[in-house]
């Protein structure tokens, strides 16, 4: 097994995945807030 060296791993894929996750959570939160506001205005 090769010896691990601190800071030598390529993490671009993980960073891209995390960025996509943050974007998805942000959109999901905005949609949920919009639905709640619409329900309040529509007196549901």
PDB file of N, CA and C in Angstrom:
ATOM      1  N   UNK A   1       0.837  -1.171   0.000  1.00  0.00           N
ATOM      2  CA  UNK A   1       0.000   0.000   0.000  1.00  0.00           C
ATOM      3  C   UNK A   1       0.891   1.248   0.000  1.00  0.00           C
ATOM      4  N   UNK A   2       0.546   2.224  -0.834  1.00  0.00           N
ATOM      5  CA  UNK A   2       1.335   3.444  -0.927  1.00  0.00           C
ATOM      6  C   UNK A   2       1.132   4.303   0.322  1.00  0.00           C
ATOM      7  N   UNK A   3       2.153   5.011   0.660  1.00  0.00           N
ATOM      8  CA  UNK A   3       2.082   5.886   1.829  1.00  0.00           C
ATOM      9  C   UNK A   3       1.312   7.153   1.473  1.00  0.00           C
ATOM     10  N   UNK A   4       0.402   7.553   2.345  1.00  0.00           N
ATOM     11  CA  UNK A   4      -0.412   8.750   2.102  1.00  0.00           C
ATOM     12  C   UNK A   4       0.380  10.005   2.473  1.00  0.00           C
ATOM     13  N   UNK A   5       0.293  11.008   1.609  1.00  0.00           N
ATOM     14  CA  UNK A   5       0.933  12.293   1.886  1.00  0.00           C
ATOM     15  C   UNK A   5      -0.150  13.339   2.049  1.00  0.00           C
ATOM     16  N   UNK A   6      -0.112  14.057   3.149  1.00  0.00           N
ATOM     17  CA  UNK A   6      -1.112  15.074   3.461  1.00  0.00           C
ATOM     18  C   UNK A   6      -1.196  16.123   2.353  1.00  0.00           C
ATOM     19  N   UNK A   7      -2.424  16.392   1.879  1.00  0.00           N
ATOM     20  CA  UNK A   7      -2.641  17.433   0.880  1.00  0.00           C
ATOM     21  C   UNK A   7      -2.376  17.016  -0.552  1.00  0.00           C
ATOM     22  N   UNK A   8      -2.184  15.733  -0.817  1.00  0.00           N
ATOM     23  CA  UNK A   8      -1.856  15.308  -2.174  1.00  0.00           C
ATOM     24  C   UNK A   8      -3.064  14.766  -2.945  1.00  0.00           C
ATOM     25  N   UNK A   9      -4.224  14.656  -2.289  1.00  0.00           N
ATOM     26  CA  UNK A   9      -5.397  14.079  -2.942  1.00  0.00           C
ATOM     27  C   UNK A   9      -6.101  15.112  -3.820  1.00  0.00           C
ATOM     28  N   UNK A  10      -6.577  14.668  -4.981  1.00  0.00           N
ATOM     29  CA  UNK A  10      -7.334  15.537  -5.881  1.00  0.00           C
ATOM     30  C   UNK A  10      -8.796  15.533  -5.420  1.00  0.00           C
ATOM     31  N   UNK A  11      -9.299  16.673  -4.961  1.00  0.00           N
ATOM     32  CA  UNK A  11     -10.647  16.724  -4.390  1.00  0.00           C
ATOM     33  C   UNK A  11     -11.618  17.513  -5.266  1.00  0.00           C
ATOM     34  N   UNK A  12     -11.296  17.703  -6.530  1.00  0.00           N
ATOM     35  CA  UNK A  12     -12.186  18.465  -7.414  1.00  0.00           C
ATOM     36  C   UNK A  12     -13.566  17.827  -7.536  1.00  0.00           C
ATOM     37  N   UNK A  13     -13.618  16.510  -7.625  1.00  0.00           N
ATOM     38  CA  UNK A  13     -14.906  15.822  -7.756  1.00  0.00           C
ATOM     39  C   UNK A  13     -15.753  16.023  -6.501  1.00  0.00           C
ATOM     40  N   UNK A  14     -15.125  15.925  -5.328  1.00  0.00           N
ATOM     41  CA  UNK A  14     -15.859  16.123  -4.080  1.00  0.00           C
ATOM     42  C   UNK A  14     -16.350  17.565  -3.960  1.00  0.00           C
ATOM     43  N   UNK A  15     -15.524  18.521  -4.355  1.00  0.00           N
ATOM     44  CA  UNK A  15     -15.926  19.926  -4.293  1.00  0.00           C
ATOM     45  C   UNK A  15     -17.103  20.196  -5.235  1.00  0.00           C
ATOM     46  N   UNK A  16     -17.071  19.609  -6.426  1.00  0.00           N
ATOM     47  CA  UNK A  16     -18.151  19.789  -7.388  1.00  0.00           C
ATOM     48  C   UNK A  16     -19.452  19.168  -6.868  1.00  0.00           C
ATOM     49  N   UNK A  17     -19.341  17.992  -6.254  1.00  0.00           N
ATOM     50  CA  UNK A  17     -20.512  17.331  -5.679  1.00  0.00           C
ATOM     51  C   UNK A  17     -21.088  18.163  -4.542  1.00  0.00           C
ATOM     52  N   UNK A  18     -20.236  18.678  -3.663  1.00  0.00           N
ATOM     53  CA  UNK A  18     -20.703  19.491  -2.541  1.00  0.00           C
ATOM     54  C   UNK A  18     -21.359  20.769  -3.035  1.00  0.00           C
ATOM     55  N   UNK A  19     -20.793  21.389  -4.057  1.00  0.00           N
ATOM     56  CA  UNK A  19     -21.370  22.599  -4.629  1.00  0.00           C
ATOM     57  C   UNK A  19     -22.764  22.306  -5.197  1.00  0.00           C
ATOM     58  N   UNK A  20     -22.921  21.177  -5.858  1.00  0.00           N
ATOM     59  CA  UNK A  20     -24.232  20.775  -6.373  1.00  0.00           C
ATOM     60  C   UNK A  20     -25.222  20.517  -5.255  1.00  0.00           C
ATOM     61  N   UNK A  21     -24.760  19.901  -4.171  1.00  0.00           N
ATOM     62  CA  UNK A  21     -25.617  19.646  -3.019  1.00  0.00           C
ATOM     63  C   UNK A  21     -26.091  20.952  -2.393  1.00  0.00           C
ATOM     64  N   UNK A  22     -25.192  21.904  -2.223  1.00  0.00           N
ATOM     65  CA  UNK A  22     -25.562  23.191  -1.634  1.00  0.00           C
ATOM     66  C   UNK A  22     -26.573  23.908  -2.527  1.00  0.00           C
ATOM     67  N   UNK A  23     -26.368  23.856  -3.836  1.00  0.00           N
ATOM     68  CA  UNK A  23     -27.299  24.488  -4.773  1.00  0.00           C
ATOM     69  C   UNK A  23     -28.679  23.825  -4.686  1.00  0.00           C
ATOM     70  N   UNK A  24     -28.708  22.488  -4.616  1.00  0.00           N
ATOM     71  CA  UNK A  24     -29.970  21.764  -4.529  1.00  0.00           C
ATOM     72  C   UNK A  24     -30.716  22.111  -3.234  1.00  0.00           C
ATOM     73  N   UNK A  25     -30.012  22.174  -2.125  1.00  0.00           N
ATOM     74  CA  UNK A  25     -30.637  22.512  -0.850  1.00  0.00           C
ATOM     75  C   UNK A  25     -31.157  23.942  -0.872  1.00  0.00           C
ATOM     76  N   UNK A  26     -30.413  24.852  -1.473  1.00  0.00           N
ATOM     77  CA  UNK A  26     -30.851  26.251  -1.566  1.00  0.00           C
ATOM     78  C   UNK A  26     -32.134  26.372  -2.381  1.00  0.00           C
ATOM     79  N   UNK A  27     -32.176  25.702  -3.544  1.00  0.00           N
ATOM     80  CA  UNK A  27     -33.377  25.732  -4.379  1.00  0.00           C
ATOM     81  C   UNK A  27     -34.553  25.083  -3.658  1.00  0.00           C
ATOM     82  N   UNK A  28     -34.309  23.971  -3.005  1.00  0.00           N
ATOM     83  CA  UNK A  28     -35.367  23.277  -2.279  1.00  0.00           C
ATOM     84  C   UNK A  28     -35.951  24.133  -1.171  1.00  0.00           C
ATOM     85  N   UNK A  29     -35.089  24.832  -0.449  1.00  0.00           N
ATOM     86  CA  UNK A  29     -35.547  25.722   0.616  1.00  0.00           C
ATOM     87  C   UNK A  29     -36.371  26.865   0.045  1.00  0.00           C
ATOM     88  N   UNK A  30     -35.902  27.455  -1.039  1.00  0.00           N
ATOM     89  CA  UNK A  30     -36.637  28.563  -1.667  1.00  0.00           C
ATOM     90  C   UNK A  30     -38.014  28.102  -2.156  1.00  0.00           C
ATOM     91  N   UNK A  31     -38.083  26.916  -2.728  1.00  0.00           N
ATOM     92  CA  UNK A  31     -39.365  26.398  -3.203  1.00  0.00           C
ATOM     93  C   UNK A  31     -40.308  26.141  -2.032  1.00  0.00           C
ATOM     94  N   UNK A  32     -39.795  25.563  -0.955  1.00  0.00           N
ATOM     95  CA  UNK A  32     -40.631  25.318   0.232  1.00  0.00           C
ATOM     96  C   UNK A  32     -41.163  26.623   0.813  1.00  0.00           C
ATOM     97  N   UNK A  33     -40.334  27.637   0.898  1.00  0.00           N
ATOM     98  CA  UNK A  33     -40.776  28.935   1.410  1.00  0.00           C
ATOM     99  C   UNK A  33     -41.830  29.532   0.492  1.00  0.00           C
ATOM    100  N   UNK A  34     -41.626  29.430  -0.818  1.00  0.00           N
ATOM    101  CA  UNK A  34     -42.608  29.952  -1.774  1.00  0.00           C
ATOM    102  C   UNK A  34     -43.952  29.234  -1.641  1.00  0.00           C
ATOM    103  N   UNK A  35     -43.905  27.921  -1.448  1.00  0.00           N
ATOM    104  CA  UNK A  35     -45.154  27.151  -1.276  1.00  0.00           C
ATOM    105  C   UNK A  35     -45.878  27.578  -0.009  1.00  0.00           C
ATOM    106  N   UNK A  36     -45.149  27.761   1.067  1.00  0.00           N
ATOM    107  CA  UNK A  36     -45.770  28.188   2.337  1.00  0.00           C
ATOM    108  C   UNK A  36     -46.375  29.576   2.202  1.00  0.00           C
ATOM    109  N   UNK A  37     -45.701  30.493   1.538  1.00  0.00           N
ATOM    110  CA  UNK A  37     -46.238  31.841   1.332  1.00  0.00           C
ATOM    111  C   UNK A  37     -47.483  31.772   0.445  1.00  0.00           C
ATOM    112  N   UNK A  38     -47.438  30.972  -0.610  1.00  0.00           N
ATOM    113  CA  UNK A  38     -48.613  30.822  -1.477  1.00  0.00           C
ATOM    114  C   UNK A  38     -49.793  30.260  -0.700  1.00  0.00           C
ATOM    115  N   UNK A  39     -49.546  29.275   0.134  1.00  0.00           N
ATOM    116  CA  UNK A  39     -50.622  28.678   0.942  1.00  0.00           C
ATOM    117  C   UNK A  39     -51.209  29.713   1.901  1.00  0.00           C
ATOM    118  N   UNK A  40     -50.354  30.541   2.487  1.00  0.00           N
ATOM    119  CA  UNK A  40     -50.838  31.568   3.408  1.00  0.00           C
ATOM    120  C   UNK A  40     -51.691  32.601   2.661  1.00  0.00           C
ATOM    121  N   UNK A  41     -51.258  32.969   1.460  1.00  0.00           N
ATOM    122  CA  UNK A  41     -52.015  33.958   0.680  1.00  0.00           C
ATOM    123  C   UNK A  41     -53.317  33.377   0.130  1.00  0.00           C
ATOM    124  N   UNK A  42     -53.325  32.067  -0.165  1.00  0.00           N
ATOM    125  CA  UNK A  42     -54.497  31.430  -0.719  1.00  0.00           C
ATOM    126  C   UNK A  42     -55.452  30.954   0.375  1.00  0.00           C
ATOM    127  N   UNK A  43     -55.077  31.172   1.618  1.00  0.00           N
ATOM    128  CA  UNK A  43     -55.879  30.776   2.780  1.00  0.00           C
ATOM    129  C   UNK A  43     -56.160  29.281   2.795  1.00  0.00           C
ATOM    130  N   UNK A  44     -55.144  28.504   2.490  1.00  0.00           N
ATOM    131  CA  UNK A  44     -55.314  27.050   2.494  1.00  0.00           C
ATOM    132  C   UNK A  44     -55.224  26.620   3.923  1.00  0.00           C
TER     133      UNK A  44
END
